[in-house]
Amino acid sequence: GQSLSLLIESHLRDLASAEGGESLARSVRSGQPDFDSLDSRQKALGYFALKLAKLSGEHTGEDLQILREAGFSDSQILEAIHVVGFFSHINRVAEATGVDLETWMPPADIPSKED
């Protein structure tokens, strides 16, 4: 819905403002994230976070092993799980309740997936 779209767009604007983040934000917005511009560690985390956020139920021990091989400790992996889980939770709460953006957050023009 509209509330969730605005929240996601806000996160994507933040991503786009980071160095090298514009093309990544554009690919995420299109629904097909392209992690090619990221280093191997960032790429491993990106794919894991995306899989977790989609709640695909397809998580395996192999997913965690890939992160470990990319250099993440178990505490860093747990932190990533908490961050993804928190944002997934708060986005769903905002969507379900129709919460408006905070007053300090500028409204976003939500581009269509074709943009």
Protein backbone atom coordinates (compact mmCIF):
# COMPACT_ATOMS: atom_id res chain seq x y z
CA GLY A 1 0.00 0.00 0.00
CA GLN A 2 0.83 3.67 -0.01
CA SER A 3 2.42 3.83 3.47
CA LEU A 4 4.78 0.95 2.78
CA SER A 5 5.69 2.35 -0.63
CA LEU A 6 6.57 5.68 0.94
CA LEU A 7 8.73 4.01 3.59
CA ILE A 8 10.55 1.92 1.02
CA GLU A 9 11.07 4.94 -1.20
CA SER A 10 12.53 6.81 1.76
CA HIS A 11 15.02 3.97 2.37
CA LEU A 12 15.91 3.87 -1.32
CA ARG A 13 16.58 7.63 -1.35
CA ASP A 14 18.99 7.11 1.54
CA LEU A 15 20.69 4.27 -0.34
CA ALA A 16 20.93 6.35 -3.51
CA SER A 17 22.62 9.17 -1.61
CA ALA A 18 25.47 6.87 -0.53
CA GLU A 19 28.55 6.71 -2.71
CA GLY A 20 27.83 4.27 -5.53
CA GLY A 21 24.32 3.67 -4.22
CA GLU A 22 22.32 5.24 -7.03
CA SER A 23 22.48 2.27 -9.42
CA LEU A 24 21.87 -0.18 -6.58
CA ALA A 25 18.81 1.80 -5.43
CA ARG A 26 17.53 1.88 -9.01
CA SER A 27 17.91 -1.90 -9.33
CA VAL A 28 16.21 -2.54 -5.97
CA ARG A 29 13.38 -0.23 -7.01
CA SER A 30 12.92 -2.27 -10.19
CA GLY A 31 12.39 -5.42 -8.12
CA GLN A 32 15.58 -7.07 -9.36
CA PRO A 33 18.47 -5.96 -7.16
CA ASP A 34 21.83 -5.93 -8.89
CA PHE A 35 24.59 -6.43 -6.36
CA ASP A 36 27.39 -6.59 -8.97
CA SER A 37 28.85 -3.24 -7.91
CA LEU A 38 29.35 -4.50 -4.34
CA ASP A 39 32.38 -6.30 -2.99
CA SER A 40 32.00 -10.01 -2.19
CA ARG A 41 31.27 -9.38 1.50
CA GLN A 42 28.57 -6.78 0.76
CA LYS A 43 27.12 -8.98 -1.96
CA ALA A 44 26.81 -11.97 0.40
CA LEU A 45 25.05 -9.79 2.97
CA GLY A 46 22.78 -8.24 0.33
CA TYR A 47 21.57 -11.58 -0.97
CA PHE A 48 21.06 -12.89 2.55
CA ALA A 49 19.11 -9.78 3.63
CA LEU A 50 16.93 -9.93 0.53
CA LYS A 51 16.16 -13.61 1.09
CA LEU A 52 15.37 -12.95 4.74
CA ALA A 53 13.18 -9.91 4.01
CA LYS A 54 11.13 -11.90 1.52
CA LEU A 55 10.43 -14.51 4.22
CA SER A 56 10.88 -17.20 1.64
CA GLY A 57 11.28 -19.95 4.22
CA GLU A 58 14.17 -21.24 2.15
CA HIS A 59 16.89 -20.36 4.65
CA THR A 60 19.41 -23.04 5.32
CA GLY A 61 22.60 -23.43 7.25
CA GLU A 62 24.34 -22.87 3.93
CA ASP A 63 23.10 -19.26 3.93
CA LEU A 64 24.85 -18.67 7.24
CA GLN A 65 27.98 -20.47 6.05
CA ILE A 66 28.18 -18.19 3.00
CA LEU A 67 28.18 -15.19 5.34
CA ARG A 68 30.84 -16.77 7.55
CA GLU A 69 33.01 -17.45 4.51
CA ALA A 70 32.56 -13.81 3.50
CA GLY A 71 34.08 -12.82 6.84
CA PHE A 72 31.06 -12.24 9.06
CA SER A 73 31.15 -13.45 12.65
CA ASP A 74 28.12 -15.12 14.19
CA SER A 75 27.40 -11.96 16.21
CA GLN A 76 27.51 -9.85 13.03
CA ILE A 77 25.16 -12.28 11.29
CA LEU A 78 22.77 -12.12 14.23
CA GLU A 79 22.91 -8.32 14.12
CA ALA A 80 22.07 -8.38 10.40
CA ILE A 81 19.13 -10.70 11.10
CA HIS A 82 17.88 -8.30 13.77
CA VAL A 83 18.20 -5.26 11.48
CA VAL A 84 16.38 -6.94 8.59
CA GLY A 85 13.75 -8.29 10.98
CA PHE A 86 13.22 -4.90 12.60
CA PHE A 87 12.76 -3.06 9.31
CA SER A 88 10.48 -5.80 7.98
CA HIS A 89 8.43 -5.61 11.17
CA ILE A 90 8.15 -1.82 11.32
CA ASN A 91 7.29 -1.60 7.62
CA ARG A 92 4.51 -4.14 8.09
CA VAL A 93 3.17 -2.32 11.15
CA ALA A 94 3.16 0.97 9.25
CA GLU A 95 1.40 -0.64 6.32
CA ALA A 96 -1.22 -2.39 8.47
CA THR A 97 -2.02 0.70 10.49
CA GLY A 98 -1.74 3.26 7.69
CA VAL A 99 0.78 5.26 9.70
CA ASP A 100 1.86 8.43 7.97
CA LEU A 101 5.49 9.39 7.54
CA GLU A 102 7.17 11.35 10.30
CA THR A 103 6.80 15.10 9.82
CA TRP A 104 10.55 15.42 9.14
CA MET A 105 10.40 12.92 6.26
CA PRO A 106 9.75 14.53 2.89
CA PRO A 107 6.99 12.93 0.85
CA ALA A 108 8.33 10.87 -2.04
CA ASP A 109 7.25 10.69 -5.62
CA ILE A 110 6.84 6.97 -6.04
CA PRO A 111 8.12 5.97 -9.45
CA SER A 112 6.49 3.08 -11.23
CA LYS A 113 8.48 -0.10 -11.72
CA GLU A 114 8.88 0.87 -15.36
CA ASP A 115 10.95 3.98 -14.42
